[in-house]
Amino acid sequence: MRNPLALKVESRVGMVLVFLFSAFLVGFFLIAVKNLGSDTDILNATGTSLKIVSPEERLLIDQWLKQENIGLSVKEVGYRYIIQKFPDKPWLAK
């Protein structure tokens, strides 16, 4: 004889397990898609394009741009563009 209460408990536990597994797979897929862009950048990058600009170097670049009146704004072009345009890093010459 079958116990109807056991069937309900087993089916509910099964539904919870299937839901948790599907939520895990969806989360894993979303993280993989989010990281795909950075992985593509790393694979297509040259040595200088992925350089992380330290806060100290950012401060030196800002001061150098103000002193030399280069005509570039960090807000317009970004630090990576300035580092690529001036590979000799004149802001470190002081």
C-alpha atoms as a PDB file:
ATOM      1  CA  MET A   1       0.000   0.000   0.000  1.00  0.00           C
ATOM      2  CA  ARG A   2       1.317   3.456  -0.935  1.00  0.00           C
ATOM      3  CA  ASN A   3       1.505   6.264   1.513  1.00  0.00           C
ATOM      4  CA  PRO A   4       0.029   9.396  -0.168  1.00  0.00           C
ATOM      5  CA  LEU A   5       1.821  11.721   2.257  1.00  0.00           C
ATOM      6  CA  ALA A   6       5.215  10.302   1.291  1.00  0.00           C
ATOM      7  CA  LEU A   7       4.461  10.929  -2.388  1.00  0.00           C
ATOM      8  CA  LYS A   8       3.748  14.602  -1.732  1.00  0.00           C
ATOM      9  CA  VAL A   9       6.910  15.035   0.321  1.00  0.00           C
ATOM     10  CA  GLU A  10       9.077  13.293  -2.273  1.00  0.00           C
ATOM     11  CA  SER A  11       7.635  15.296  -5.140  1.00  0.00           C
ATOM     12  CA  ARG A  12       8.104  18.581  -3.284  1.00  0.00           C
ATOM     13  CA  VAL A  13      11.701  17.730  -2.430  1.00  0.00           C
ATOM     14  CA  GLY A  14      12.242  16.776  -6.049  1.00  0.00           C
ATOM     15  CA  MET A  15      10.785  20.077  -7.234  1.00  0.00           C
ATOM     16  CA  VAL A  16      13.026  22.014  -4.841  1.00  0.00           C
ATOM     17  CA  LEU A  17      16.100  20.107  -6.031  1.00  0.00           C
ATOM     18  CA  VAL A  18      15.246  20.694  -9.691  1.00  0.00           C
ATOM     19  CA  PHE A  19      14.627  24.393  -8.998  1.00  0.00           C
ATOM     20  CA  LEU A  20      17.938  24.794  -7.143  1.00  0.00           C
ATOM     21  CA  PHE A  21      19.834  22.984  -9.885  1.00  0.00           C
ATOM     22  CA  SER A  22      18.249  25.123 -12.603  1.00  0.00           C
ATOM     23  CA  ALA A  23      18.971  28.315 -10.617  1.00  0.00           C
ATOM     24  CA  PHE A  24      22.597  27.208 -10.292  1.00  0.00           C
ATOM     25  CA  LEU A  25      22.867  26.603 -14.043  1.00  0.00           C
ATOM     26  CA  VAL A  26      21.268  29.965 -14.883  1.00  0.00           C
ATOM     27  CA  GLY A  27      23.594  31.764 -12.465  1.00  0.00           C
ATOM     28  CA  PHE A  28      26.609  29.950 -13.861  1.00  0.00           C
ATOM     29  CA  PHE A  29      25.562  30.874 -17.415  1.00  0.00           C
ATOM     30  CA  LEU A  30      25.074  34.550 -16.525  1.00  0.00           C
ATOM     31  CA  ILE A  31      28.497  34.739 -14.873  1.00  0.00           C
ATOM     32  CA  ALA A  32      30.087  33.084 -17.900  1.00  0.00           C
ATOM     33  CA  VAL A  33      28.433  35.561 -20.271  1.00  0.00           C
ATOM     34  CA  LYS A  34      29.471  38.497 -18.066  1.00  0.00           C
ATOM     35  CA  ASN A  35      33.109  37.374 -18.088  1.00  0.00           C
ATOM     36  CA  LEU A  36      33.158  36.651 -21.821  1.00  0.00           C
ATOM     37  CA  GLY A  37      33.872  40.287 -22.685  1.00  0.00           C
ATOM     38  CA  SER A  38      36.895  40.531 -20.411  1.00  0.00           C
ATOM     39  CA  ASP A  39      38.214  37.175 -21.651  1.00  0.00           C
ATOM     40  CA  THR A  40      37.931  38.410 -25.228  1.00  0.00           C
ATOM     41  CA  ASP A  41      39.783  41.621 -24.315  1.00  0.00           C
ATOM     42  CA  ILE A  42      42.580  39.612 -22.719  1.00  0.00           C
ATOM     43  CA  LEU A  43      42.955  37.319 -25.724  1.00  0.00           C
ATOM     44  CA  ASN A  44      43.001  40.207 -28.223  1.00  0.00           C
ATOM     45  CA  ALA A  45      45.127  42.580 -26.163  1.00  0.00           C
ATOM     46  CA  THR A  46      48.644  43.759 -26.578  1.00  0.00           C
ATOM     47  CA  GLY A  47      50.923  44.304 -23.586  1.00  0.00           C
ATOM     48  CA  THR A  48      50.051  47.924 -22.860  1.00  0.00           C
ATOM     49  CA  SER A  49      46.296  47.828 -23.430  1.00  0.00           C
ATOM     50  CA  LEU A  50      45.572  45.853 -20.246  1.00  0.00           C
ATOM     51  CA  LYS A  51      47.809  47.824 -17.917  1.00  0.00           C
ATOM     52  CA  ILE A  52      46.084  48.727 -14.682  1.00  0.00           C
ATOM     53  CA  VAL A  53      46.700  52.368 -13.881  1.00  0.00           C
ATOM     54  CA  SER A  54      47.553  52.828 -10.213  1.00  0.00           C
ATOM     55  CA  PRO A  55      46.067  55.737  -8.242  1.00  0.00           C
ATOM     56  CA  GLU A  56      49.537  57.292  -7.902  1.00  0.00           C
ATOM     57  CA  GLU A  57      50.088  57.195 -11.644  1.00  0.00           C
ATOM     58  CA  ARG A  58      46.623  58.651 -12.236  1.00  0.00           C
ATOM     59  CA  LEU A  59      47.505  61.551  -9.964  1.00  0.00           C
ATOM     60  CA  LEU A  60      50.803  62.100 -11.813  1.00  0.00           C
ATOM     61  CA  ILE A  61      49.039  62.005 -15.192  1.00  0.00           C
ATOM     62  CA  ASP A  62      46.445  64.536 -14.000  1.00  0.00           C
ATOM     63  CA  GLN A  63      49.138  66.890 -12.712  1.00  0.00           C
ATOM     64  CA  TRP A  64      51.209  66.507 -15.885  1.00  0.00           C
ATOM     65  CA  LEU A  65      48.204  67.252 -18.119  1.00  0.00           C
ATOM     66  CA  LYS A  66      47.458  70.424 -16.138  1.00  0.00           C
ATOM     67  CA  GLN A  67      51.065  71.641 -16.154  1.00  0.00           C
ATOM     68  CA  GLU A  68      51.844  70.915 -19.805  1.00  0.00           C
ATOM     69  CA  ASN A  69      48.474  72.018 -21.292  1.00  0.00           C
ATOM     70  CA  ILE A  70      48.416  69.036 -23.644  1.00  0.00           C
ATOM     71  CA  GLY A  71      44.815  69.677 -24.671  1.00  0.00           C
ATOM     72  CA  LEU A  72      43.566  66.255 -23.604  1.00  0.00           C
ATOM     73  CA  SER A  73      41.150  65.550 -20.824  1.00  0.00           C
ATOM     74  CA  VAL A  74      41.127  62.269 -18.951  1.00  0.00           C
ATOM     75  CA  LYS A  75      37.335  62.431 -18.865  1.00  0.00           C
ATOM     76  CA  GLU A  76      37.225  62.572 -22.671  1.00  0.00           C
ATOM     77  CA  VAL A  77      39.851  59.985 -23.641  1.00  0.00           C
ATOM     78  CA  GLY A  78      40.726  57.997 -20.514  1.00  0.00           C
ATOM     79  CA  TYR A  79      43.988  56.971 -18.933  1.00  0.00           C
ATOM     80  CA  ARG A  80      44.636  54.053 -21.293  1.00  0.00           C
ATOM     81  CA  TYR A  81      44.557  56.327 -24.319  1.00  0.00           C
ATOM     82  CA  ILE A  82      47.017  58.741 -22.710  1.00  0.00           C
ATOM     83  CA  ILE A  83      49.376  55.887 -21.805  1.00  0.00           C
ATOM     84  CA  GLN A  84      49.199  54.555 -25.382  1.00  0.00           C
ATOM     85  CA  LYS A  85      49.696  58.012 -26.902  1.00  0.00           C
ATOM     86  CA  PHE A  86      52.704  58.780 -24.665  1.00  0.00           C
ATOM     87  CA  PRO A  87      54.511  55.429 -24.213  1.00  0.00           C
ATOM     88  CA  ASP A  88      57.637  57.140 -22.803  1.00  0.00           C
ATOM     89  CA  LYS A  89      55.547  58.285 -19.772  1.00  0.00           C
ATOM     90  CA  PRO A  90      56.735  61.893 -19.467  1.00  0.00           C
ATOM     91  CA  TRP A  91      54.764  62.355 -16.222  1.00  0.00           C
ATOM     92  CA  LEU A  92      57.304  60.078 -14.499  1.00  0.00           C
ATOM     93  CA  ALA A  93      60.300  62.169 -15.615  1.00  0.00           C
ATOM     94  CA  LYS A  94      60.115  64.525 -12.640  1.00  0.00           C
END
